Structures are given as C-alpha cells and as structure tokens.
C-alpha cells in the first residue's frame, strides 16, 4: 500500500484575512493517522521598509509618516479616552479621540481611533503643504491592515460608522501626493507613542 494515502499530501495554502502572511499546511496520512505541520514559506521576505530605519528617512523621495490609534481595553489596561498619534520626522503628536456619535449611541473601537490618527496626520500634511506653498510627496505608514487597504481601495468600507471617517480621510488625501503602506507594529513609530 504505497499509494497516495501513505505519504505527504500536497500543501494547501491557508490565508488569514487579517494578516498578509501565507502559511502552508502539510497533511501527512499514514494508515488511518493524520498529522499536520505548519510551514511558513520564505516567499514574503522583502527588503527593509525604510532606508536607515528612521522616521525622517525618505522612501523613493517620499517623506515617511506614521499614524496609529488605540482604544482602552484593546491596547492598554487603564480606562480613558481613545488616543490617536502621528509622527512626521521629529514631529510627534498624540491626541485624545472622543467617542464617535452614532444613532445607536457613542461608539469606540480601534478602527475609529486608527482613522482619527490618519485624519489628524492628513490635516497636518495639508497645513504643511499650504505653509510651504508647495506639494510634498508622502509615504503614510500604519499598522492597521483594514485602514491601509480601505485607503488603497483594496477593501470596501462595509461598517456604517466607519464610512464618514473613510470619506473624510479620502477627501483629505485627494489633495495630497500620498502613498499608503502597511508596516508591522514594531516599525510604527506612532504606535510607540501610544504604549
């Protein structure tokens, strides 16, 4: 009995919609016993995201900026308001975010805080361009896959309370030269301000 039942079944690709990592699951079946092994292929290795690794670095002539948001209970144990932060070079800003008012009452979530962090950053970039009298090119980095992919148009905005936040961020970004990139949390300098 040396057929396909005894041996390695070809790996299946498993995609987690919340992470861009792809893992292969290898299934081995031998006489009624099944075992699983997870293998993460090295196909996703990429060059370092930022030359020099600093927030002031430039990526293909774009100024690298970071944003982040956090909601009590999700990111930190103490109670209090949601917080949003952004970093542009040496400029760092952290702000409290009020609960979002909806017909169902006030709402708070990490995604609301993330969008507020992005909106604060975009408003600041708009003001910078206006003060300089010229348009800068910006690489906007965040660790929220949802917000980054919605801003790129890869994901639709399905959650009703996020629609006005996405519309405001889209309106602000349309007047700027921006590119959006997802980065790991450890590389997000704005996230470090919220810890």
N, C-alpha and C. Protein backbone atom coordinates (compact mmCIF):
# COMPACT_ATOMS: atom_id res chain seq x y z
N UNK A 1 0.82 -1.19 0.00
CA UNK A 1 0.00 0.00 0.00
C UNK A 1 0.87 1.25 0.00
N UNK A 2 1.55 1.51 -1.06
CA UNK A 2 2.42 2.67 -1.11
C UNK A 2 1.80 3.81 -1.90
N UNK A 3 0.48 3.84 -2.03
CA UNK A 3 -0.20 4.87 -2.83
C UNK A 3 -0.25 6.21 -2.14
N UNK A 4 -1.06 7.12 -2.69
CA UNK A 4 -1.15 8.47 -2.16
C UNK A 4 -1.64 8.54 -0.71
N UNK A 5 -2.33 7.51 -0.21
CA UNK A 5 -2.82 7.58 1.16
C UNK A 5 -1.67 7.54 2.16
N UNK A 6 -0.55 6.97 1.75
CA UNK A 6 0.61 6.90 2.64
C UNK A 6 1.66 7.87 2.16
N UNK A 7 1.71 9.00 2.64
CA UNK A 7 2.70 9.96 2.18
C UNK A 7 2.21 11.36 2.42
N UNK A 8 2.87 12.24 1.79
CA UNK A 8 2.56 13.65 2.03
C UNK A 8 1.58 14.15 0.99
N UNK A 9 0.48 14.65 1.46
CA UNK A 9 -0.50 15.29 0.58
C UNK A 9 0.06 16.67 0.25
N UNK A 10 -0.07 17.16 -0.99
CA UNK A 10 0.47 18.49 -1.32
C UNK A 10 -0.05 19.56 -0.37
N UNK A 11 0.81 20.51 0.00
CA UNK A 11 0.41 21.55 0.95
C UNK A 11 -0.74 22.40 0.41
N UNK A 12 -1.61 22.80 1.31
CA UNK A 12 -2.70 23.73 0.98
C UNK A 12 -2.30 25.10 1.48
N UNK A 13 -2.52 26.10 0.66
CA UNK A 13 -2.24 27.46 1.12
C UNK A 13 -3.40 27.93 1.99
N UNK A 14 -3.08 28.47 3.12
CA UNK A 14 -4.09 28.96 4.05
C UNK A 14 -3.90 30.46 4.19
N UNK A 15 -4.94 31.21 3.92
CA UNK A 15 -4.85 32.66 4.00
C UNK A 15 -5.65 33.16 5.20
N UNK A 16 -5.03 33.96 6.01
CA UNK A 16 -5.71 34.62 7.11
C UNK A 16 -6.08 36.01 6.62
N UNK A 17 -7.38 36.38 6.57
CA UNK A 17 -7.75 37.68 6.02
C UNK A 17 -7.24 38.86 6.82
N UNK A 18 -6.78 38.64 8.05
CA UNK A 18 -6.34 39.74 8.89
C UNK A 18 -4.83 39.93 8.86
N UNK A 19 -4.10 39.02 8.23
CA UNK A 19 -2.65 39.13 8.15
C UNK A 19 -2.22 38.78 6.74
N UNK A 20 -1.21 39.46 6.22
CA UNK A 20 -0.76 39.17 4.88
C UNK A 20 0.16 37.95 4.79
N UNK A 21 0.34 37.23 5.89
CA UNK A 21 1.24 36.08 5.91
C UNK A 21 0.52 34.87 5.34
N UNK A 22 1.21 34.13 4.51
CA UNK A 22 0.65 32.91 3.94
C UNK A 22 1.39 31.74 4.57
N UNK A 23 0.65 30.76 5.04
CA UNK A 23 1.27 29.57 5.62
C UNK A 23 0.83 28.36 4.82
N UNK A 24 1.68 27.38 4.71
CA UNK A 24 1.32 26.15 4.02
C UNK A 24 1.08 25.08 5.07
N UNK A 25 -0.01 24.36 4.92
CA UNK A 25 -0.29 23.27 5.85
C UNK A 25 0.00 21.96 5.14
N UNK A 26 0.90 21.19 5.68
CA UNK A 26 1.24 19.90 5.11
C UNK A 26 0.49 18.84 5.90
N UNK A 27 -0.24 18.00 5.19
CA UNK A 27 -1.01 16.94 5.82
C UNK A 27 -0.35 15.61 5.47
N UNK A 28 -0.04 14.82 6.48
CA UNK A 28 0.56 13.51 6.27
C UNK A 28 -0.43 12.46 6.77
N UNK A 29 -0.78 11.52 5.89
CA UNK A 29 -1.73 10.47 6.27
C UNK A 29 -1.03 9.12 6.14
N UNK A 30 -1.01 8.36 7.23
CA UNK A 30 -0.39 7.04 7.21
C UNK A 30 -1.29 6.07 7.96
N UNK A 31 -1.91 5.17 7.26
CA UNK A 31 -2.74 4.10 7.84
C UNK A 31 -3.70 4.60 8.91
N UNK A 32 -4.54 5.52 8.54
CA UNK A 32 -5.57 6.00 9.45
C UNK A 32 -5.15 7.12 10.37
N UNK A 33 -3.87 7.43 10.44
CA UNK A 33 -3.41 8.52 11.30
C UNK A 33 -3.13 9.74 10.43
N UNK A 34 -3.56 10.88 10.91
CA UNK A 34 -3.35 12.13 10.16
C UNK A 34 -2.58 13.08 11.06
N UNK A 35 -1.54 13.68 10.53
CA UNK A 35 -0.81 14.69 11.29
C UNK A 35 -0.66 15.95 10.44
N UNK A 36 -0.58 17.07 11.11
CA UNK A 36 -0.49 18.35 10.43
C UNK A 36 0.81 19.04 10.82
N UNK A 37 1.38 19.77 9.90
CA UNK A 37 2.56 20.59 10.19
C UNK A 37 2.39 21.91 9.45
N UNK A 38 2.69 23.00 10.13
CA UNK A 38 2.59 24.33 9.51
C UNK A 38 3.97 24.77 9.07
N UNK A 39 4.06 25.21 7.85
CA UNK A 39 5.32 25.68 7.29
C UNK A 39 5.07 27.07 6.71
N UNK A 40 5.83 28.06 7.14
CA UNK A 40 5.71 29.41 6.58
C UNK A 40 6.81 29.57 5.54
N UNK A 41 6.43 29.62 4.26
CA UNK A 41 7.46 29.73 3.23
C UNK A 41 8.14 31.09 3.24
N UNK A 42 9.40 31.13 2.81
CA UNK A 42 10.15 32.40 2.81
C UNK A 42 9.83 33.28 1.61
N UNK A 43 8.63 33.17 1.02
CA UNK A 43 8.31 33.93 -0.19
C UNK A 43 7.99 35.38 0.10
N UNK A 44 7.74 35.70 1.36
CA UNK A 44 7.33 37.07 1.67
C UNK A 44 8.47 37.93 2.18
N UNK A 45 9.70 37.44 2.07
CA UNK A 45 10.83 38.26 2.51
C UNK A 45 10.96 39.46 1.59
N UNK A 46 11.09 40.61 2.18
CA UNK A 46 11.20 41.83 1.38
C UNK A 46 12.33 42.67 1.93
N UNK A 47 12.81 43.62 1.15
CA UNK A 47 13.87 44.48 1.65
C UNK A 47 13.37 45.32 2.81
N UNK A 48 14.25 45.88 3.63
CA UNK A 48 13.82 46.72 4.74
C UNK A 48 12.88 47.81 4.26
N UNK A 49 11.85 48.08 5.05
CA UNK A 49 10.83 49.04 4.64
C UNK A 49 11.38 50.46 4.55
N UNK A 50 12.33 50.82 5.39
CA UNK A 50 12.79 52.20 5.43
C UNK A 50 14.30 52.25 5.44
N UNK A 51 14.91 52.90 4.44
CA UNK A 51 16.36 53.04 4.46
C UNK A 51 16.80 53.76 5.73
N UNK A 52 17.75 53.20 6.42
CA UNK A 52 18.23 53.84 7.64
C UNK A 52 17.34 53.57 8.83
N UNK A 53 16.10 53.13 8.62
CA UNK A 53 15.21 52.77 9.69
C UNK A 53 14.68 53.91 10.54
N UNK A 54 14.74 55.14 10.08
CA UNK A 54 14.24 56.25 10.89
C UNK A 54 13.02 56.86 10.26
N UNK A 55 12.24 57.56 11.06
CA UNK A 55 11.03 58.20 10.56
C UNK A 55 11.35 59.34 9.62
N UNK A 56 12.53 59.91 9.74
CA UNK A 56 12.88 61.03 8.87
C UNK A 56 13.41 60.56 7.53
N UNK A 57 13.56 59.22 7.36
CA UNK A 57 14.09 58.75 6.10
C UNK A 57 13.12 59.02 4.96
N UNK A 58 13.65 58.92 3.77
CA UNK A 58 12.82 59.10 2.58
C UNK A 58 12.80 57.78 1.84
N UNK A 59 11.66 57.43 1.31
CA UNK A 59 11.50 56.21 0.54
C UNK A 59 11.15 56.65 -0.87
N UNK A 60 12.10 56.54 -1.78
CA UNK A 60 11.90 56.97 -3.17
C UNK A 60 11.40 58.41 -3.22
N UNK A 61 12.08 59.28 -2.53
CA UNK A 61 11.81 60.72 -2.48
C UNK A 61 10.49 61.09 -1.79
N UNK A 62 9.92 60.20 -1.03
CA UNK A 62 8.71 60.50 -0.26
C UNK A 62 9.09 60.63 1.22
N UNK A 63 8.50 61.59 1.90
CA UNK A 63 8.70 61.73 3.33
C UNK A 63 7.88 60.66 4.04
N UNK A 64 8.52 59.89 4.91
CA UNK A 64 7.86 58.79 5.61
C UNK A 64 7.14 59.33 6.84
N UNK A 65 5.84 59.02 6.94
CA UNK A 65 4.99 59.45 8.06
C UNK A 65 4.33 58.22 8.66
N UNK A 66 4.00 58.29 9.95
CA UNK A 66 3.36 57.18 10.63
C UNK A 66 2.10 57.68 11.35
N UNK A 67 1.08 56.80 11.44
CA UNK A 67 -0.10 57.10 12.24
C UNK A 67 -0.52 55.85 12.99
N UNK A 68 -1.27 56.04 14.07
CA UNK A 68 -1.79 54.91 14.82
C UNK A 68 -2.92 55.39 15.72
N UNK A 69 -3.71 54.45 16.19
CA UNK A 69 -4.79 54.75 17.12
C UNK A 69 -4.95 53.60 18.09
N UNK A 70 -5.50 53.89 19.26
CA UNK A 70 -5.69 52.85 20.28
C UNK A 70 -6.95 53.14 21.08
N UNK A 71 -7.60 52.07 21.48
CA UNK A 71 -8.84 52.17 22.25
C UNK A 71 -8.63 51.45 23.59
N UNK A 72 -8.99 52.08 24.72
CA UNK A 72 -8.84 51.40 26.02
C UNK A 72 -9.54 50.05 26.00
N UNK A 73 -8.90 49.09 26.62
CA UNK A 73 -9.45 47.74 26.63
C UNK A 73 -8.85 46.90 25.52
N UNK A 74 -8.49 47.53 24.41
CA UNK A 74 -7.84 46.80 23.32
C UNK A 74 -6.33 46.90 23.44
N UNK A 75 -5.82 48.11 23.65
CA UNK A 75 -4.38 48.33 23.62
C UNK A 75 -3.78 48.53 25.01
N UNK A 76 -4.50 49.16 25.91
CA UNK A 76 -3.92 49.41 27.22
C UNK A 76 -4.97 49.16 28.29
N UNK A 77 -4.52 48.77 29.47
CA UNK A 77 -5.43 48.29 30.51
C UNK A 77 -6.22 49.40 31.18
N UNK A 78 -5.65 50.59 31.32
CA UNK A 78 -6.35 51.64 32.05
C UNK A 78 -7.55 52.16 31.25
N UNK A 79 -8.48 52.72 31.96
CA UNK A 79 -9.65 53.32 31.31
C UNK A 79 -9.29 54.72 30.86
N UNK A 80 -10.06 55.22 29.93
CA UNK A 80 -9.80 56.57 29.44
C UNK A 80 -10.23 56.71 28.00
N UNK A 81 -9.94 57.85 27.41
CA UNK A 81 -10.37 58.09 26.04
C UNK A 81 -9.53 57.31 25.03
N UNK A 82 -10.09 57.17 23.83
CA UNK A 82 -9.30 56.63 22.73
C UNK A 82 -8.18 57.62 22.45
N UNK A 83 -7.11 57.14 21.87
CA UNK A 83 -5.97 58.02 21.55
C UNK A 83 -5.56 57.79 20.10
N UNK A 84 -5.03 58.85 19.49
CA UNK A 84 -4.50 58.78 18.13
C UNK A 84 -3.17 59.52 18.11
N UNK A 85 -2.26 59.05 17.26
CA UNK A 85 -0.93 59.65 17.19
C UNK A 85 -0.44 59.66 15.76
N UNK A 86 0.47 60.61 15.48
CA UNK A 86 1.19 60.59 14.21
C UNK A 86 2.61 61.08 14.42
N UNK A 87 3.49 60.68 13.50
CA UNK A 87 4.90 61.08 13.52
C UNK A 87 5.29 61.47 12.11
N UNK A 88 5.90 62.65 11.98
CA UNK A 88 6.50 63.10 10.72
C UNK A 88 7.89 63.60 11.07
N UNK A 89 8.91 62.86 10.70
CA UNK A 89 10.27 63.25 11.07
C UNK A 89 10.40 63.31 12.58
N UNK A 90 10.75 64.48 13.11
CA UNK A 90 10.88 64.66 14.55
C UNK A 90 9.59 65.15 15.20
N UNK A 91 8.60 65.50 14.40
CA UNK A 91 7.31 66.00 14.91
C UNK A 91 6.48 64.81 15.38
N UNK A 92 6.09 64.82 16.65
CA UNK A 92 5.25 63.77 17.23
C UNK A 92 4.03 64.41 17.85
N UNK A 93 2.88 63.79 17.66
CA UNK A 93 1.65 64.33 18.22
C UNK A 93 0.76 63.20 18.71
N UNK A 94 0.23 63.34 19.92
CA UNK A 94 -0.73 62.39 20.48
C UNK A 94 -1.95 63.19 20.91
N UNK A 95 -3.13 62.70 20.57
CA UNK A 95 -4.37 63.40 20.93
C UNK A 95 -5.40 62.41 21.46
N UNK A 96 -6.27 62.91 22.32
CA UNK A 96 -7.42 62.12 22.74
C UNK A 96 -8.46 62.17 21.63
N UNK A 97 -9.19 61.08 21.48
CA UNK A 97 -10.23 60.98 20.46
C UNK A 97 -11.56 60.80 21.16
N UNK A 98 -12.55 61.66 20.89
CA UNK A 98 -13.86 61.49 21.52
C UNK A 98 -14.58 60.26 20.94
N UNK A 99 -15.51 59.72 21.71
CA UNK A 99 -16.32 58.62 21.20
C UNK A 99 -17.07 59.09 19.97
N UNK A 100 -17.25 58.19 19.01
CA UNK A 100 -17.97 58.51 17.78
C UNK A 100 -19.46 58.51 18.08
N UNK A 101 -20.14 59.56 17.72
CA UNK A 101 -21.58 59.65 17.95
C UNK A 101 -22.32 58.99 16.79
N UNK A 102 -23.18 58.03 17.11
CA UNK A 102 -23.97 57.33 16.10
C UNK A 102 -25.42 57.31 16.56
N UNK A 103 -26.36 56.98 15.68
CA UNK A 103 -27.76 56.88 16.09
C UNK A 103 -27.98 55.86 17.21
N UNK A 104 -27.09 54.86 17.30
CA UNK A 104 -27.20 53.83 18.34
C UNK A 104 -26.49 54.22 19.63
N UNK A 105 -25.93 55.42 19.68
CA UNK A 105 -25.20 55.87 20.85
C UNK A 105 -23.71 55.98 20.56
N UNK A 106 -22.93 56.38 21.58
CA UNK A 106 -21.49 56.55 21.35
C UNK A 106 -20.81 55.21 21.08
N UNK A 107 -19.83 55.26 20.19
CA UNK A 107 -19.07 54.05 19.84
C UNK A 107 -17.59 54.32 20.00
N UNK A 108 -16.85 53.29 20.32
CA UNK A 108 -15.40 53.36 20.38
C UNK A 108 -14.85 52.03 19.90
N UNK A 109 -13.78 52.10 19.14
CA UNK A 109 -13.09 50.90 18.66
C UNK A 109 -11.70 51.29 18.19
N UNK A 110 -10.87 50.29 18.01
CA UNK A 110 -9.53 50.54 17.49
C UNK A 110 -9.60 51.15 16.10
N UNK A 111 -10.52 50.67 15.27
CA UNK A 111 -10.61 51.19 13.90
C UNK A 111 -11.00 52.67 13.89
N UNK A 112 -11.88 53.08 14.79
CA UNK A 112 -12.25 54.50 14.89
C UNK A 112 -11.01 55.31 15.27
N UNK A 113 -10.26 54.83 16.26
CA UNK A 113 -9.05 55.53 16.70
C UNK A 113 -8.01 55.57 15.59
N UNK A 114 -7.85 54.47 14.84
CA UNK A 114 -6.89 54.43 13.73
C UNK A 114 -7.26 55.48 12.67
N UNK A 115 -8.53 55.53 12.31
CA UNK A 115 -8.96 56.52 11.31
C UNK A 115 -8.71 57.94 11.80
N UNK A 116 -8.96 58.19 13.08
CA UNK A 116 -8.70 59.53 13.62
C UNK A 116 -7.21 59.87 13.55
N UNK A 117 -6.35 58.90 13.84
CA UNK A 117 -4.91 59.12 13.71
C UNK A 117 -4.54 59.50 12.28
N UNK A 118 -5.12 58.80 11.31
CA UNK A 118 -4.86 59.10 9.90
C UNK A 118 -5.39 60.49 9.53
N UNK A 119 -6.59 60.82 9.98
CA UNK A 119 -7.18 62.14 9.66
C UNK A 119 -6.34 63.26 10.27
N UNK A 120 -5.90 63.10 11.53
CA UNK A 120 -5.03 64.12 12.15
C UNK A 120 -3.76 64.30 11.33
N UNK A 121 -3.16 63.19 10.89
CA UNK A 121 -1.94 63.26 10.08
C UNK A 121 -2.20 63.97 8.76
N UNK A 122 -3.27 63.59 8.06
CA UNK A 122 -3.57 64.20 6.76
C UNK A 122 -3.84 65.69 6.88
N UNK A 123 -4.53 66.09 7.94
CA UNK A 123 -4.76 67.54 8.16
C UNK A 123 -3.44 68.27 8.38
N UNK A 124 -2.55 67.65 9.14
CA UNK A 124 -1.25 68.28 9.39
C UNK A 124 -0.44 68.39 8.09
N UNK A 125 -0.47 67.34 7.26
CA UNK A 125 0.25 67.38 5.98
C UNK A 125 -0.33 68.44 5.05
N UNK A 126 -1.65 68.57 5.04
CA UNK A 126 -2.30 69.61 4.24
C UNK A 126 -1.82 70.99 4.68
N UNK A 127 -1.78 71.21 5.99
CA UNK A 127 -1.31 72.50 6.52
C UNK A 127 0.17 72.74 6.20
N UNK A 128 0.99 71.69 6.26
CA UNK A 128 2.41 71.81 5.91
C UNK A 128 2.57 72.25 4.46
N UNK A 129 1.83 71.60 3.56
CA UNK A 129 1.90 71.96 2.13
C UNK A 129 1.46 73.40 1.92
N UNK A 130 0.40 73.80 2.60
CA UNK A 130 -0.11 75.17 2.45
C UNK A 130 0.92 76.18 2.97
N UNK A 131 1.53 75.90 4.11
CA UNK A 131 2.53 76.82 4.68
C UNK A 131 3.79 76.92 3.81
N UNK A 132 4.19 75.80 3.21
CA UNK A 132 5.37 75.79 2.34
C UNK A 132 5.09 76.39 0.97
N UNK A 133 3.84 76.33 0.57
CA UNK A 133 3.48 76.80 -0.77
C UNK A 133 3.82 75.80 -1.86
N UNK A 134 4.14 74.58 -1.48
CA UNK A 134 4.42 73.53 -2.47
C UNK A 134 3.89 72.20 -1.96
N UNK A 135 3.72 71.28 -2.89
CA UNK A 135 3.16 69.98 -2.54
C UNK A 135 4.28 68.99 -2.27
N UNK A 136 4.26 68.38 -1.09
CA UNK A 136 5.24 67.35 -0.76
C UNK A 136 4.72 65.98 -1.17
N UNK A 137 5.62 65.01 -1.22
CA UNK A 137 5.25 63.62 -1.51
C UNK A 137 5.44 62.83 -0.22
N UNK A 138 4.41 62.08 0.18
CA UNK A 138 4.42 61.43 1.48
C UNK A 138 4.14 59.94 1.36
N UNK A 139 4.86 59.15 2.15
CA UNK A 139 4.59 57.73 2.32
C UNK A 139 3.97 57.59 3.70
N UNK A 140 2.69 57.25 3.74
CA UNK A 140 1.95 57.16 5.00
C UNK A 140 1.89 55.71 5.43
N UNK A 141 2.44 55.44 6.61
CA UNK A 141 2.56 54.07 7.11
C UNK A 141 1.72 53.89 8.37
N UNK A 142 1.02 52.77 8.43
CA UNK A 142 0.24 52.42 9.60
C UNK A 142 0.22 50.92 9.78
N UNK A 143 -0.12 50.47 10.98
CA UNK A 143 -0.15 49.03 11.22
C UNK A 143 -1.56 48.44 11.13
N UNK A 144 -2.54 49.26 10.75
CA UNK A 144 -3.91 48.76 10.59
C UNK A 144 -4.11 48.32 9.14
N UNK A 145 -4.12 47.01 8.92
CA UNK A 145 -4.36 46.48 7.57
C UNK A 145 -5.69 46.99 7.02
N UNK A 146 -6.71 47.04 7.87
CA UNK A 146 -8.03 47.47 7.42
C UNK A 146 -7.99 48.89 6.88
N UNK A 147 -7.46 49.83 7.65
CA UNK A 147 -7.44 51.23 7.23
C UNK A 147 -6.57 51.41 5.99
N UNK A 148 -5.39 50.82 5.97
CA UNK A 148 -4.49 50.97 4.82
C UNK A 148 -5.15 50.41 3.56
N UNK A 149 -5.71 49.22 3.65
CA UNK A 149 -6.32 48.61 2.46
C UNK A 149 -7.58 49.34 2.02
N UNK A 150 -8.34 49.88 2.96
CA UNK A 150 -9.51 50.68 2.57
C UNK A 150 -9.06 51.96 1.87
N UNK A 151 -7.99 52.57 2.34
CA UNK A 151 -7.50 53.80 1.72
C UNK A 151 -6.90 53.53 0.33
N UNK A 152 -6.37 52.35 0.12
CA UNK A 152 -5.85 51.98 -1.21
C UNK A 152 -6.96 51.54 -2.16
N UNK A 153 -8.16 51.31 -1.61
CA UNK A 153 -9.26 50.83 -2.44
C UNK A 153 -9.29 49.33 -2.59
N UNK A 154 -8.48 48.61 -1.82
CA UNK A 154 -8.45 47.15 -1.89
C UNK A 154 -9.61 46.52 -1.12
N UNK A 155 -10.07 47.18 -0.06
CA UNK A 155 -11.21 46.72 0.73
C UNK A 155 -12.31 47.77 0.64
N UNK A 156 -13.54 47.30 0.60
CA UNK A 156 -14.68 48.22 0.69
C UNK A 156 -14.92 48.56 2.16
N UNK A 157 -15.53 49.71 2.38
CA UNK A 157 -15.88 50.11 3.75
C UNK A 157 -17.30 49.61 3.99
N UNK A 158 -17.42 48.55 4.76
CA UNK A 158 -18.72 47.93 4.99
C UNK A 158 -19.36 48.33 6.31
N UNK A 159 -18.55 48.76 7.25
CA UNK A 159 -19.07 49.11 8.57
C UNK A 159 -19.62 50.53 8.51
N UNK A 160 -20.93 50.71 8.76
CA UNK A 160 -21.55 52.03 8.58
C UNK A 160 -20.89 53.16 9.36
N UNK A 161 -20.44 52.90 10.59
CA UNK A 161 -19.87 54.01 11.37
C UNK A 161 -18.47 54.40 10.89
N UNK A 162 -17.82 53.58 10.06
CA UNK A 162 -16.51 53.94 9.52
C UNK A 162 -16.62 54.72 8.20
N UNK A 163 -17.80 54.69 7.57
CA UNK A 163 -17.97 55.36 6.27
C UNK A 163 -17.63 56.86 6.34
N UNK A 164 -18.18 57.64 7.30
CA UNK A 164 -17.83 59.06 7.31
C UNK A 164 -16.35 59.32 7.60
N UNK A 165 -15.73 58.47 8.40
CA UNK A 165 -14.30 58.63 8.69
C UNK A 165 -13.47 58.35 7.43
N UNK A 166 -13.84 57.30 6.70
CA UNK A 166 -13.15 56.98 5.45
C UNK A 166 -13.34 58.09 4.42
N UNK A 167 -14.55 58.62 4.33
CA UNK A 167 -14.81 59.70 3.38
C UNK A 167 -13.97 60.93 3.70
N UNK A 168 -13.85 61.27 4.99
CA UNK A 168 -13.03 62.43 5.39
C UNK A 168 -11.56 62.18 5.07
N UNK A 169 -11.06 60.99 5.37
CA UNK A 169 -9.66 60.67 5.07
C UNK A 169 -9.42 60.67 3.56
N UNK A 170 -10.36 60.17 2.79
CA UNK A 170 -10.23 60.16 1.32
C UNK A 170 -10.24 61.58 0.77
N UNK A 171 -11.11 62.42 1.30
CA UNK A 171 -11.19 63.81 0.85
C UNK A 171 -9.86 64.52 1.12
N UNK A 172 -9.32 64.34 2.31
CA UNK A 172 -8.05 64.98 2.66
C UNK A 172 -6.89 64.44 1.82
N UNK A 173 -6.85 63.13 1.61
CA UNK A 173 -5.73 62.54 0.85
C UNK A 173 -5.80 62.88 -0.63
N UNK A 174 -6.99 63.18 -1.14
CA UNK A 174 -7.11 63.50 -2.57
C UNK A 174 -6.38 64.80 -2.91
N UNK A 175 -6.19 65.68 -1.95
CA UNK A 175 -5.48 66.93 -2.20
C UNK A 175 -3.99 66.84 -1.93
N UNK A 176 -3.50 65.63 -1.62
CA UNK A 176 -2.08 65.43 -1.29
C UNK A 176 -1.48 64.39 -2.22
N UNK A 177 -0.16 64.36 -2.30
CA UNK A 177 0.56 63.32 -3.03
C UNK A 177 0.97 62.27 -2.00
N UNK A 178 0.12 61.25 -1.82
CA UNK A 178 0.36 60.26 -0.77
C UNK A 178 0.35 58.85 -1.33
N UNK A 179 1.08 57.99 -0.64
CA UNK A 179 1.08 56.56 -0.90
C UNK A 179 0.91 55.90 0.46
N UNK A 180 0.10 54.84 0.53
CA UNK A 180 -0.16 54.16 1.79
C UNK A 180 0.57 52.83 1.84
N UNK A 181 1.15 52.52 3.01
CA UNK A 181 1.86 51.26 3.19
C UNK A 181 1.59 50.71 4.59
N UNK A 182 1.30 49.41 4.65
CA UNK A 182 1.14 48.73 5.94
C UNK A 182 2.52 48.32 6.45
N UNK A 183 2.74 48.54 7.74
CA UNK A 183 4.00 48.16 8.37
C UNK A 183 3.69 47.36 9.63
N UNK A 184 4.63 46.52 10.07
CA UNK A 184 4.44 45.82 11.35
C UNK A 184 4.38 46.82 12.50
N UNK A 185 3.67 46.44 13.55
CA UNK A 185 3.51 47.33 14.70
C UNK A 185 4.85 47.81 15.27
N UNK A 186 5.83 46.95 15.30
CA UNK A 186 7.13 47.32 15.88
C UNK A 186 7.84 48.39 15.06
N UNK A 187 7.48 48.55 13.78
CA UNK A 187 8.10 49.58 12.94
C UNK A 187 7.28 50.86 12.91
N UNK A 188 6.13 50.86 13.57
CA UNK A 188 5.25 52.03 13.55
C UNK A 188 5.62 52.96 14.70
N UNK A 189 6.34 54.04 14.40
CA UNK A 189 6.79 54.96 15.45
C UNK A 189 5.61 55.62 16.15
N UNK A 190 4.51 55.86 15.45
CA UNK A 190 3.34 56.46 16.10
C UNK A 190 2.76 55.50 17.13
N UNK A 191 2.81 54.21 16.85
CA UNK A 191 2.32 53.21 17.79
C UNK A 191 3.10 53.20 19.08
N UNK A 192 4.39 53.48 18.99
CA UNK A 192 5.23 53.50 20.20
C UNK A 192 4.81 54.63 21.13
N UNK A 193 4.24 55.70 20.59
CA UNK A 193 3.78 56.82 21.43
C UNK A 193 2.55 56.44 22.25
N UNK A 194 1.83 55.41 21.82
CA UNK A 194 0.58 55.04 22.49
C UNK A 194 0.77 53.93 23.52
N UNK A 195 1.98 53.40 23.63
CA UNK A 195 2.21 52.31 24.59
C UNK A 195 2.35 52.82 26.00
